[in-house]
Amino acid sequence: MTFRYQLLIALVVVSLSGGLVWAALHYHGKYLGEQHRADTAIEDARSASTITSNVLRTVAITNLVLETNQHAKQQIALESQRAESDINATVADDDCAVRSVPAGAVKRLQQYANSLRNGSTGPAASKPDS
C-alpha cells in the first residue's frame, strides 16, 4: 500500500473518531439537560404535593374551629333557654312584676352573666347550674 492510501485511511479513522466524540458530547449534553428538566419536574411535583397537603390541613383545622364555635354557640343558646326557664319558674310564683326581682332569680342571672364572661375566653360552660 502506498503512503497515499495509508494517509486516506488515517484521515477516515480520525474523521470517524472526531464524529463519534462530537456525537457523544452532543448527546451527553442533551442527556444532562433532560436529566435536569426531569429533576426540576420531580421537585415541582413534590412542592405542589406539599402545598396541597398544607392547604388540606388548613381547611381541616378551619372546619374544626368552625364546628367548635358552632357547638359553643349552641351551648350558649341552650344555657340562655335554661336561664330563661329558671327565671320564669322563679318569677311565676310572684304575683306582681313591679316588686323587686326575687333573690333566686338574681342569683341565677348573676351566675349566668359570670358564665358568659368566663366563657368568652374559652369554650362555653357545658354544665348548667341546678
N, C-alpha and C. Protein backbone atom coordinates (compact mmCIF):
# COMPACT_ATOMS: atom_id res chain seq x y z
N MET A 1 0.82 -1.17 0.00
CA MET A 1 0.00 0.00 0.00
C MET A 1 0.87 1.23 0.00
N THR A 2 0.34 2.13 -0.64
CA THR A 2 1.13 3.34 -0.76
C THR A 2 0.83 4.29 0.39
N PHE A 3 1.67 5.22 0.47
CA PHE A 3 1.55 6.22 1.53
C PHE A 3 0.24 6.98 1.41
N ARG A 4 -0.21 7.17 0.21
CA ARG A 4 -1.43 7.91 -0.04
C ARG A 4 -2.63 7.19 0.56
N TYR A 5 -2.72 5.88 0.36
CA TYR A 5 -3.84 5.11 0.92
C TYR A 5 -3.78 5.09 2.44
N GLN A 6 -2.59 4.99 2.97
CA GLN A 6 -2.44 4.99 4.42
C GLN A 6 -2.89 6.31 5.01
N LEU A 7 -2.55 7.38 4.34
CA LEU A 7 -2.96 8.72 4.77
C LEU A 7 -4.47 8.86 4.69
N LEU A 8 -5.07 8.35 3.60
CA LEU A 8 -6.51 8.41 3.42
C LEU A 8 -7.23 7.59 4.50
N ILE A 9 -6.73 6.42 4.82
CA ILE A 9 -7.32 5.58 5.86
C ILE A 9 -7.18 6.27 7.22
N ALA A 10 -6.03 6.84 7.48
CA ALA A 10 -5.82 7.55 8.75
C ALA A 10 -6.77 8.74 8.85
N LEU A 11 -6.97 9.44 7.74
CA LEU A 11 -7.87 10.58 7.72
C LEU A 11 -9.30 10.13 7.98
N VAL A 12 -9.72 9.02 7.40
CA VAL A 12 -11.07 8.49 7.61
C VAL A 12 -11.23 8.07 9.08
N VAL A 13 -10.23 7.39 9.64
CA VAL A 13 -10.29 6.96 11.03
C VAL A 13 -10.37 8.16 11.96
N VAL A 14 -9.57 9.19 11.72
CA VAL A 14 -9.59 10.41 12.54
C VAL A 14 -10.94 11.10 12.40
N SER A 15 -11.49 11.16 11.19
CA SER A 15 -12.80 11.79 10.96
C SER A 15 -13.89 11.03 11.70
N LEU A 16 -13.87 9.71 11.61
CA LEU A 16 -14.87 8.91 12.32
C LEU A 16 -14.73 9.07 13.83
N SER A 17 -13.50 9.09 14.30
CA SER A 17 -13.28 9.27 15.73
C SER A 17 -13.78 10.65 16.18
N GLY A 18 -13.48 11.66 15.40
CA GLY A 18 -13.95 13.01 15.72
C GLY A 18 -15.47 13.08 15.71
N GLY A 19 -16.09 12.42 14.71
CA GLY A 19 -17.55 12.41 14.64
C GLY A 19 -18.16 11.70 15.84
N LEU A 20 -17.53 10.60 16.25
CA LEU A 20 -18.01 9.89 17.42
C LEU A 20 -17.87 10.73 18.69
N VAL A 21 -16.75 11.41 18.83
CA VAL A 21 -16.54 12.27 20.01
C VAL A 21 -17.56 13.41 20.02
N TRP A 22 -17.75 14.02 18.83
CA TRP A 22 -18.73 15.11 18.75
C TRP A 22 -20.13 14.61 19.09
N ALA A 23 -20.52 13.46 18.53
CA ALA A 23 -21.86 12.90 18.81
C ALA A 23 -22.00 12.57 20.30
N ALA A 24 -20.96 11.99 20.88
CA ALA A 24 -21.02 11.65 22.31
C ALA A 24 -21.20 12.90 23.15
N LEU A 25 -20.44 13.95 22.87
CA LEU A 25 -20.57 15.20 23.62
C LEU A 25 -21.93 15.85 23.41
N HIS A 26 -22.39 15.83 22.15
CA HIS A 26 -23.69 16.44 21.81
C HIS A 26 -24.83 15.74 22.58
N TYR A 27 -24.89 14.43 22.48
CA TYR A 27 -25.98 13.71 23.11
C TYR A 27 -25.83 13.64 24.64
N HIS A 28 -24.62 13.69 25.12
CA HIS A 28 -24.42 13.75 26.57
C HIS A 28 -24.96 15.08 27.11
N GLY A 29 -24.73 16.17 26.36
CA GLY A 29 -25.29 17.48 26.76
C GLY A 29 -26.81 17.45 26.78
N LYS A 30 -27.40 16.82 25.76
CA LYS A 30 -28.86 16.70 25.73
C LYS A 30 -29.35 15.86 26.90
N TYR A 31 -28.62 14.78 27.19
CA TYR A 31 -28.99 13.92 28.31
C TYR A 31 -28.96 14.70 29.62
N LEU A 32 -27.91 15.49 29.83
CA LEU A 32 -27.81 16.29 31.06
C LEU A 32 -28.95 17.30 31.15
N GLY A 33 -29.31 17.92 30.02
CA GLY A 33 -30.42 18.86 30.00
C GLY A 33 -31.74 18.20 30.35
N GLU A 34 -31.99 17.03 29.79
CA GLU A 34 -33.22 16.29 30.09
C GLU A 34 -33.23 15.81 31.54
N GLN A 35 -32.08 15.42 32.03
CA GLN A 35 -31.99 14.97 33.42
C GLN A 35 -32.31 16.13 34.36
N HIS A 36 -31.77 17.30 34.05
CA HIS A 36 -32.05 18.49 34.85
C HIS A 36 -33.54 18.83 34.79
N ARG A 37 -34.13 18.75 33.60
CA ARG A 37 -35.56 19.04 33.44
C ARG A 37 -36.41 18.04 34.24
N ALA A 38 -36.03 16.77 34.20
CA ALA A 38 -36.77 15.75 34.95
C ALA A 38 -36.63 15.98 36.46
N ASP A 39 -35.43 16.33 36.91
CA ASP A 39 -35.24 16.62 38.34
C ASP A 39 -36.07 17.82 38.77
N THR A 40 -36.12 18.84 37.93
CA THR A 40 -36.94 20.02 38.23
C THR A 40 -38.42 19.66 38.28
N ALA A 41 -38.87 18.81 37.36
CA ALA A 41 -40.28 18.39 37.37
C ALA A 41 -40.61 17.61 38.63
N ILE A 42 -39.71 16.74 39.06
CA ILE A 42 -39.94 15.98 40.30
C ILE A 42 -39.99 16.91 41.49
N GLU A 43 -39.09 17.87 41.53
CA GLU A 43 -39.07 18.83 42.62
C GLU A 43 -40.35 19.67 42.64
N ASP A 44 -40.81 20.09 41.46
CA ASP A 44 -42.05 20.86 41.37
C ASP A 44 -43.25 20.02 41.83
N ALA A 45 -43.26 18.74 41.47
CA ALA A 45 -44.36 17.86 41.89
C ALA A 45 -44.36 17.69 43.41
N ARG A 46 -43.19 17.54 44.00
CA ARG A 46 -43.11 17.42 45.46
C ARG A 46 -43.57 18.70 46.13
N SER A 47 -43.17 19.83 45.57
CA SER A 47 -43.57 21.12 46.12
C SER A 47 -45.09 21.29 46.03
N ALA A 48 -45.67 20.93 44.89
CA ALA A 48 -47.12 21.04 44.73
C ALA A 48 -47.84 20.09 45.69
N SER A 49 -47.29 18.92 45.89
CA SER A 49 -47.88 17.97 46.83
C SER A 49 -47.83 18.52 48.25
N THR A 50 -46.73 19.13 48.62
CA THR A 50 -46.61 19.72 49.96
C THR A 50 -47.60 20.86 50.14
N ILE A 51 -47.72 21.70 49.14
CA ILE A 51 -48.66 22.82 49.21
C ILE A 51 -50.09 22.31 49.34
N THR A 52 -50.44 21.30 48.54
CA THR A 52 -51.78 20.73 48.61
C THR A 52 -52.04 20.13 49.99
N SER A 53 -51.07 19.44 50.52
CA SER A 53 -51.20 18.86 51.86
C SER A 53 -51.41 19.94 52.91
N ASN A 54 -50.66 21.03 52.81
CA ASN A 54 -50.82 22.13 53.76
C ASN A 54 -52.18 22.80 53.64
N VAL A 55 -52.66 22.96 52.42
CA VAL A 55 -53.99 23.56 52.21
C VAL A 55 -55.06 22.66 52.81
N LEU A 56 -54.96 21.36 52.58
CA LEU A 56 -55.95 20.43 53.14
C LEU A 56 -55.90 20.44 54.66
N ARG A 57 -54.71 20.50 55.23
CA ARG A 57 -54.58 20.56 56.68
C ARG A 57 -55.20 21.85 57.21
N THR A 58 -54.96 22.97 56.52
CA THR A 58 -55.54 24.24 56.93
C THR A 58 -57.06 24.21 56.87
N VAL A 59 -57.61 23.63 55.81
CA VAL A 59 -59.06 23.51 55.69
C VAL A 59 -59.62 22.65 56.81
N ALA A 60 -58.95 21.56 57.13
CA ALA A 60 -59.41 20.69 58.22
C ALA A 60 -59.40 21.42 59.56
N ILE A 61 -58.35 22.18 59.81
CA ILE A 61 -58.26 22.95 61.06
C ILE A 61 -59.36 24.01 61.10
N THR A 62 -59.57 24.69 59.97
CA THR A 62 -60.61 25.70 59.90
C THR A 62 -61.98 25.08 60.16
N ASN A 63 -62.24 23.92 59.56
CA ASN A 63 -63.52 23.25 59.79
C ASN A 63 -63.68 22.86 61.26
N LEU A 64 -62.61 22.42 61.87
CA LEU A 64 -62.67 22.05 63.28
C LEU A 64 -62.99 23.26 64.14
N VAL A 65 -62.34 24.38 63.85
CA VAL A 65 -62.60 25.61 64.61
C VAL A 65 -64.05 26.06 64.41
N LEU A 66 -64.54 26.00 63.17
CA LEU A 66 -65.92 26.40 62.91
C LEU A 66 -66.91 25.49 63.63
N GLU A 67 -66.65 24.20 63.63
CA GLU A 67 -67.53 23.27 64.34
C GLU A 67 -67.51 23.54 65.84
N THR A 68 -66.33 23.81 66.36
CA THR A 68 -66.23 24.11 67.79
C THR A 68 -66.98 25.39 68.13
N ASN A 69 -66.85 26.42 67.30
CA ASN A 69 -67.58 27.66 67.53
C ASN A 69 -69.08 27.45 67.44
N GLN A 70 -69.51 26.63 66.48
CA GLN A 70 -70.94 26.35 66.34
C GLN A 70 -71.45 25.63 67.58
N HIS A 71 -70.67 24.67 68.07
CA HIS A 71 -71.06 23.94 69.27
C HIS A 71 -71.14 24.90 70.46
N ALA A 72 -70.17 25.80 70.58
CA ALA A 72 -70.19 26.78 71.67
C ALA A 72 -71.41 27.67 71.58
N LYS A 73 -71.76 28.09 70.37
CA LYS A 73 -72.96 28.93 70.20
C LYS A 73 -74.21 28.16 70.60
N GLN A 74 -74.27 26.88 70.25
CA GLN A 74 -75.43 26.07 70.63
C GLN A 74 -75.50 25.92 72.15
N GLN A 75 -74.35 25.73 72.77
CA GLN A 75 -74.33 25.62 74.23
C GLN A 75 -74.78 26.92 74.89
N ILE A 76 -74.36 28.04 74.35
CA ILE A 76 -74.78 29.33 74.89
C ILE A 76 -76.28 29.50 74.72
N ALA A 77 -76.81 29.11 73.56
CA ALA A 77 -78.25 29.21 73.33
C ALA A 77 -79.02 28.31 74.30
N LEU A 78 -78.52 27.10 74.52
CA LEU A 78 -79.17 26.20 75.47
C LEU A 78 -79.12 26.77 76.88
N GLU A 79 -77.98 27.30 77.25
CA GLU A 79 -77.85 27.91 78.58
C GLU A 79 -78.78 29.11 78.73
N SER A 80 -78.94 29.88 77.66
CA SER A 80 -79.87 31.02 77.70
C SER A 80 -81.30 30.53 77.90
N GLN A 81 -81.66 29.45 77.20
CA GLN A 81 -83.01 28.90 77.37
C GLN A 81 -83.20 28.36 78.79
N ARG A 82 -82.20 27.69 79.31
CA ARG A 82 -82.29 27.19 80.69
C ARG A 82 -82.43 28.34 81.68
N ALA A 83 -81.63 29.38 81.47
CA ALA A 83 -81.70 30.53 82.36
C ALA A 83 -83.08 31.18 82.28
N GLU A 84 -83.60 31.29 81.06
CA GLU A 84 -84.92 31.89 80.89
C GLU A 84 -85.99 31.06 81.59
N SER A 85 -85.93 29.75 81.42
CA SER A 85 -86.94 28.90 82.07
C SER A 85 -86.78 28.92 83.59
N ASP A 86 -85.52 28.96 84.08
CA ASP A 86 -85.31 29.07 85.53
C ASP A 86 -85.88 30.37 86.07
N ILE A 87 -85.65 31.44 85.35
CA ILE A 87 -86.16 32.75 85.78
C ILE A 87 -87.68 32.76 85.72
N ASN A 88 -88.25 32.21 84.64
CA ASN A 88 -89.71 32.16 84.52
C ASN A 88 -90.32 31.32 85.64
N ALA A 89 -89.67 30.22 85.99
CA ALA A 89 -90.17 29.38 87.08
C ALA A 89 -90.09 30.11 88.40
N THR A 90 -89.02 30.85 88.61
CA THR A 90 -88.86 31.59 89.86
C THR A 90 -89.85 32.75 89.94
N VAL A 91 -90.08 33.44 88.84
CA VAL A 91 -90.96 34.62 88.81
C VAL A 91 -92.42 34.20 88.72
N ALA A 92 -92.70 32.97 88.30
CA ALA A 92 -94.09 32.54 88.13
C ALA A 92 -94.87 32.60 89.44
N ASP A 93 -94.22 32.33 90.55
CA ASP A 93 -94.90 32.38 91.84
C ASP A 93 -95.07 33.80 92.36
N ASP A 94 -94.41 34.74 91.74
CA ASP A 94 -94.50 36.13 92.18
C ASP A 94 -95.77 36.74 91.58
N ASP A 95 -96.59 37.37 92.38
CA ASP A 95 -97.87 37.91 91.92
C ASP A 95 -97.78 39.29 91.29
N CYS A 96 -96.68 39.95 91.46
CA CYS A 96 -96.61 41.31 90.92
C CYS A 96 -95.24 41.56 90.29
N ALA A 97 -95.25 42.01 89.07
CA ALA A 97 -93.99 42.26 88.36
C ALA A 97 -93.32 43.53 88.82
N VAL A 98 -94.04 44.39 89.54
CA VAL A 98 -93.48 45.65 89.99
C VAL A 98 -92.53 45.45 91.17
N ARG A 99 -92.72 44.40 91.85
CA ARG A 99 -91.87 44.14 93.01
C ARG A 99 -90.43 43.87 92.55
N SER A 100 -89.55 43.89 93.51
CA SER A 100 -88.15 43.64 93.17
C SER A 100 -87.98 42.19 92.72
N VAL A 101 -86.92 41.96 92.00
CA VAL A 101 -86.64 40.64 91.44
C VAL A 101 -86.32 39.69 92.60
N PRO A 102 -86.88 38.48 92.57
CA PRO A 102 -86.61 37.52 93.66
C PRO A 102 -85.12 37.18 93.74
N ALA A 103 -84.69 36.89 94.94
CA ALA A 103 -83.27 36.62 95.18
C ALA A 103 -82.78 35.41 94.38
N GLY A 104 -83.60 34.40 94.22
CA GLY A 104 -83.21 33.22 93.43
C GLY A 104 -82.94 33.58 91.97
N ALA A 105 -83.78 34.45 91.43
CA ALA A 105 -83.60 34.87 90.03
C ALA A 105 -82.35 35.74 89.89
N VAL A 106 -82.13 36.62 90.88
CA VAL A 106 -80.94 37.48 90.84
C VAL A 106 -79.68 36.62 90.88
N LYS A 107 -79.68 35.63 91.76
CA LYS A 107 -78.52 34.75 91.87
C LYS A 107 -78.29 34.02 90.56
N ARG A 108 -79.38 33.51 89.99
CA ARG A 108 -79.26 32.75 88.72
C ARG A 108 -78.78 33.66 87.59
N LEU A 109 -79.28 34.89 87.52
CA LEU A 109 -78.84 35.83 86.49
C LEU A 109 -77.36 36.18 86.65
N GLN A 110 -76.94 36.35 87.89
CA GLN A 110 -75.53 36.65 88.12
C GLN A 110 -74.64 35.47 87.72
N GLN A 111 -75.07 34.27 88.06
CA GLN A 111 -74.31 33.09 87.67
C GLN A 111 -74.23 32.97 86.15
N TYR A 112 -75.34 33.23 85.50
CA TYR A 112 -75.37 33.15 84.04
C TYR A 112 -74.46 34.21 83.42
N ALA A 113 -74.52 35.43 83.95
CA ALA A 113 -73.67 36.50 83.42
C ALA A 113 -72.19 36.17 83.63
N ASN A 114 -71.86 35.63 84.78
CA ASN A 114 -70.47 35.25 85.05
C ASN A 114 -70.02 34.13 84.12
N SER A 115 -70.91 33.18 83.86
CA SER A 115 -70.52 32.09 82.96
C SER A 115 -70.29 32.61 81.54
N LEU A 116 -71.05 33.62 81.14
CA LEU A 116 -70.83 34.22 79.82
C LEU A 116 -69.50 34.96 79.77
N ARG A 117 -69.19 35.68 80.82
CA ARG A 117 -67.91 36.40 80.86
C ARG A 117 -66.74 35.43 80.86
N ASN A 118 -66.82 34.40 81.68
CA ASN A 118 -65.75 33.40 81.74
C ASN A 118 -65.67 32.60 80.46
N GLY A 119 -66.80 32.38 79.83
CA GLY A 119 -66.83 31.58 78.61
C GLY A 119 -66.38 32.33 77.38
N SER A 120 -66.22 33.65 77.47
CA SER A 120 -65.83 34.40 76.28
C SER A 120 -64.37 34.16 75.90
N THR A 121 -63.56 33.72 76.86
CA THR A 121 -62.16 33.44 76.54
C THR A 121 -61.91 31.97 76.28
N GLY A 122 -62.87 31.13 76.59
CA GLY A 122 -62.72 29.68 76.39
C GLY A 122 -64.03 29.11 75.90
N PRO A 123 -64.16 27.80 75.89
CA PRO A 123 -65.40 27.18 75.45
C PRO A 123 -66.52 27.45 76.44
N ALA A 124 -67.73 27.42 75.97
CA ALA A 124 -68.89 27.70 76.81
C ALA A 124 -69.01 26.62 77.86
N ALA A 125 -69.53 27.03 79.02
CA ALA A 125 -69.73 26.07 80.09
C ALA A 125 -70.75 25.04 79.66
N SER A 126 -70.42 23.77 79.83
CA SER A 126 -71.33 22.73 79.37
C SER A 126 -72.21 22.20 80.47
N LYS A 127 -71.93 22.55 81.74
CA LYS A 127 -72.75 22.07 82.83
C LYS A 127 -73.63 23.22 83.34
N PRO A 128 -74.95 23.04 83.32
CA PRO A 128 -75.82 24.08 83.86
C PRO A 128 -75.83 24.02 85.40
N ASP A 129 -76.10 25.17 86.00
CA ASP A 129 -76.23 25.21 87.46
C ASP A 129 -77.62 24.72 87.80
N SER A 130 -77.71 23.79 88.73
CA SER A 130 -79.02 23.26 89.11
C SER A 130 -79.36 23.61 90.52
